[in-house]
C-alpha atoms as a PDB file:
ATOM      1  CA  UNK A   1     -30.314 -46.852 -51.940  1.00  0.00           C
ATOM      2  CA  UNK A   2     -26.615 -46.894 -50.901  1.00  0.00           C
ATOM      3  CA  UNK A   3     -25.765 -44.521 -53.785  1.00  0.00           C
ATOM      4  CA  UNK A   4     -28.487 -41.789 -52.180  1.00  0.00           C
ATOM      5  CA  UNK A   5     -26.875 -42.391 -48.732  1.00  0.00           C
ATOM      6  CA  UNK A   6     -23.371 -41.729 -50.281  1.00  0.00           C
ATOM      7  CA  UNK A   7     -24.514 -38.390 -52.086  1.00  0.00           C
ATOM      8  CA  UNK A   8     -26.227 -37.159 -49.030  1.00  0.00           C
ATOM      9  CA  UNK A   9     -23.138 -37.694 -46.880  1.00  0.00           C
ATOM     10  CA  UNK A  10     -21.133 -36.203 -49.444  1.00  0.00           C
ATOM     11  CA  UNK A  11     -23.345 -33.118 -49.333  1.00  0.00           C
ATOM     12  CA  UNK A  12     -23.187 -32.895 -45.812  1.00  0.00           C
ATOM     13  CA  UNK A  13     -19.335 -32.863 -45.662  1.00  0.00           C
ATOM     14  CA  UNK A  14     -19.083 -30.582 -48.545  1.00  0.00           C
ATOM     15  CA  UNK A  15     -21.329 -28.087 -46.570  1.00  0.00           C
ATOM     16  CA  UNK A  16     -19.380 -28.843 -43.381  1.00  0.00           C
ATOM     17  CA  UNK A  17     -16.090 -27.863 -45.291  1.00  0.00           C
ATOM     18  CA  UNK A  18     -17.834 -24.665 -46.762  1.00  0.00           C
ATOM     19  CA  UNK A  19     -19.049 -23.660 -43.383  1.00  0.00           C
ATOM     20  CA  UNK A  20     -15.714 -24.054 -41.722  1.00  0.00           C
ATOM     21  CA  UNK A  21     -13.901 -22.169 -44.356  1.00  0.00           C
ATOM     22  CA  UNK A  22     -16.382 -19.396 -44.183  1.00  0.00           C
ATOM     23  CA  UNK A  23     -15.982 -19.387 -40.407  1.00  0.00           C
ATOM     24  CA  UNK A  24     -12.356 -19.022 -40.588  1.00  0.00           C
ATOM     25  CA  UNK A  25     -12.596 -16.225 -43.165  1.00  0.00           C
ATOM     26  CA  UNK A  26     -14.476 -14.350 -40.773  1.00  0.00           C
ATOM     27  CA  UNK A  27     -12.076 -14.799 -38.109  1.00  0.00           C
ATOM     28  CA  UNK A  28      -9.284 -13.346 -40.375  1.00  0.00           C
ATOM     29  CA  UNK A  29     -11.433 -10.625 -41.352  1.00  0.00           C
ATOM     30  CA  UNK A  30     -12.143  -9.877 -37.740  1.00  0.00           C
ATOM     31  CA  UNK A  31      -8.645 -10.078 -36.694  1.00  0.00           C
ATOM     32  CA  UNK A  32      -7.791  -7.424 -39.580  1.00  0.00           C
ATOM     33  CA  UNK A  33     -10.636  -5.047 -38.970  1.00  0.00           C
ATOM     34  CA  UNK A  34     -11.444  -5.197 -35.275  1.00  0.00           C
ATOM     35  CA  UNK A  35      -8.014  -3.546 -34.118  1.00  0.00           C
ATOM     36  CA  UNK A  36      -8.581  -0.703 -36.743  1.00  0.00           C
ATOM     37  CA  UNK A  37     -12.468  -0.265 -35.522  1.00  0.00           C
ATOM     38  CA  UNK A  38     -11.268  -0.092 -31.719  1.00  0.00           C
ATOM     39  CA  UNK A  39      -8.549   2.396 -32.510  1.00  0.00           C
ATOM     40  CA  UNK A  40     -11.030   4.777 -34.278  1.00  0.00           C
ATOM     41  CA  UNK A  41     -13.480   4.308 -31.302  1.00  0.00           C
ATOM     42  CA  UNK A  42     -10.603   5.160 -28.689  1.00  0.00           C
ATOM     43  CA  UNK A  43      -9.506   8.288 -30.911  1.00  0.00           C
ATOM     44  CA  UNK A  44     -13.338   9.425 -31.044  1.00  0.00           C
ATOM     45  CA  UNK A  45     -13.609   8.742 -27.146  1.00  0.00           C
ATOM     46  CA  UNK A  46     -10.500  10.867 -26.375  1.00  0.00           C
ATOM     47  CA  UNK A  47     -11.705  13.941 -28.450  1.00  0.00           C
ATOM     48  CA  UNK A  48     -15.091  14.180 -26.361  1.00  0.00           C
ATOM     49  CA  UNK A  49     -15.842  16.965 -24.115  1.00  0.00           C
ATOM     50  CA  UNK A  50     -16.560  14.849 -20.974  1.00  0.00           C
ATOM     51  CA  UNK A  51     -13.080  12.841 -21.585  1.00  0.00           C
ATOM     52  CA  UNK A  52     -11.121  16.180 -21.657  1.00  0.00           C
ATOM     53  CA  UNK A  53     -13.119  17.913 -18.862  1.00  0.00           C
ATOM     54  CA  UNK A  54     -12.486  14.958 -16.528  1.00  0.00           C
ATOM     55  CA  UNK A  55      -8.775  14.723 -17.459  1.00  0.00           C
ATOM     56  CA  UNK A  56      -8.545  18.540 -16.550  1.00  0.00           C
ATOM     57  CA  UNK A  57     -10.368  18.217 -13.305  1.00  0.00           C
ATOM     58  CA  UNK A  58      -8.068  15.152 -12.552  1.00  0.00           C
ATOM     59  CA  UNK A  59      -4.981  17.105 -13.267  1.00  0.00           C
ATOM     60  CA  UNK A  60      -6.311  20.281 -10.961  1.00  0.00           C
ATOM     61  CA  UNK A  61      -7.005  17.906  -8.318  1.00  0.00           C
ATOM     62  CA  UNK A  62      -3.451  16.310  -8.539  1.00  0.00           C
ATOM     63  CA  UNK A  63      -1.814  20.008  -8.811  1.00  0.00           C
ATOM     64  CA  UNK A  64      -3.474  21.087  -5.567  1.00  0.00           C
ATOM     65  CA  UNK A  65      -2.339  17.810  -3.685  1.00  0.00           C
ATOM     66  CA  UNK A  66       1.101  18.468  -5.091  1.00  0.00           C
ATOM     67  CA  UNK A  67       1.332  22.018  -3.949  1.00  0.00           C
ATOM     68  CA  UNK A  68       0.199  20.838  -0.481  1.00  0.00           C
ATOM     69  CA  UNK A  69       2.168  17.654  -0.178  1.00  0.00           C
ATOM     70  CA  UNK A  70       5.818  17.371   1.374  1.00  0.00           C
ATOM     71  CA  UNK A  71       8.562  16.318  -0.544  1.00  0.00           C
ATOM     72  CA  UNK A  72       8.330  12.730  -0.241  1.00  0.00           C
ATOM     73  CA  UNK A  73       4.633  12.647  -1.375  1.00  0.00           C
ATOM     74  CA  UNK A  74       5.349  15.077  -4.337  1.00  0.00           C
ATOM     75  CA  UNK A  75       7.287  12.429  -6.110  1.00  0.00           C
ATOM     76  CA  UNK A  76       4.598   9.774  -5.708  1.00  0.00           C
ATOM     77  CA  UNK A  77       2.162  12.507  -7.121  1.00  0.00           C
ATOM     78  CA  UNK A  78       4.237  13.203  -9.875  1.00  0.00           C
ATOM     79  CA  UNK A  79       4.671   9.518 -10.765  1.00  0.00           C
ATOM     80  CA  UNK A  80       0.798   8.990 -10.889  1.00  0.00           C
ATOM     81  CA  UNK A  81       0.540  12.171 -13.196  1.00  0.00           C
ATOM     82  CA  UNK A  82       3.278  10.912 -15.427  1.00  0.00           C
ATOM     83  CA  UNK A  83       1.379   7.610 -15.782  1.00  0.00           C
ATOM     84  CA  UNK A  84      -2.267   8.906 -15.991  1.00  0.00           C
ATOM     85  CA  UNK A  85      -1.454  11.931 -18.453  1.00  0.00           C
ATOM     86  CA  UNK A  86       1.229   9.841 -20.602  1.00  0.00           C
ATOM     87  CA  UNK A  87      -0.584  10.007 -23.928  1.00  0.00           C
ATOM     88  CA  UNK A  88      -2.875  13.109 -23.266  1.00  0.00           C
ATOM     89  CA  UNK A  89      -2.728  15.910 -25.482  1.00  0.00           C
ATOM     90  CA  UNK A  90      -1.393  19.151 -23.651  1.00  0.00           C
ATOM     91  CA  UNK A  91      -2.845  21.498 -26.111  1.00  0.00           C
ATOM     92  CA  UNK A  92      -6.230  20.772 -24.771  1.00  0.00           C
ATOM     93  CA  UNK A  93      -5.361  22.347 -21.501  1.00  0.00           C
ATOM     94  CA  UNK A  94      -4.876  25.915 -20.202  1.00  0.00           C
ATOM     95  CA  UNK A  95      -1.568  27.257 -20.314  1.00  0.00           C
ATOM     96  CA  UNK A  96      -0.884  26.971 -16.709  1.00  0.00           C
ATOM     97  CA  UNK A  97      -1.975  23.490 -16.571  1.00  0.00           C
ATOM     98  CA  UNK A  98      -0.100  22.512 -19.532  1.00  0.00           C
ATOM     99  CA  UNK A  99       3.102  24.028 -18.025  1.00  0.00           C
ATOM    100  CA  UNK A 100       2.383  21.972 -14.970  1.00  0.00           C
ATOM    101  CA  UNK A 101       1.943  18.852 -16.706  1.00  0.00           C
ATOM    102  CA  UNK A 102       5.215  19.375 -18.709  1.00  0.00           C
ATOM    103  CA  UNK A 103       7.023  19.871 -15.362  1.00  0.00           C
ATOM    104  CA  UNK A 104       5.702  16.791 -14.009  1.00  0.00           C
ATOM    105  CA  UNK A 105       6.687  14.753 -17.032  1.00  0.00           C
ATOM    106  CA  UNK A 106      10.166  15.899 -17.099  1.00  0.00           C
END
């Protein structure tokens, strides 16, 4: 009876250790693969038509605001443009908008 109870306890402990080890391996695997998966997801998102069209519309809106603004407001608008379009690929814009974006960045 005692021997059977000890075996049962040993089996429970063994499977608990195995479960813990597998769970830890899952976290390690997730830590490795999750950032790579999110980077690909972000790259796909940034290449969608809706994302690029939205960015163009935003830049057009800021350009109109910049043209109509006074000197104090122009620097604030330029700062917002630099922040919002820091990583945006200028080659996806029409030449006139791309030139405006370059002017705002520098």
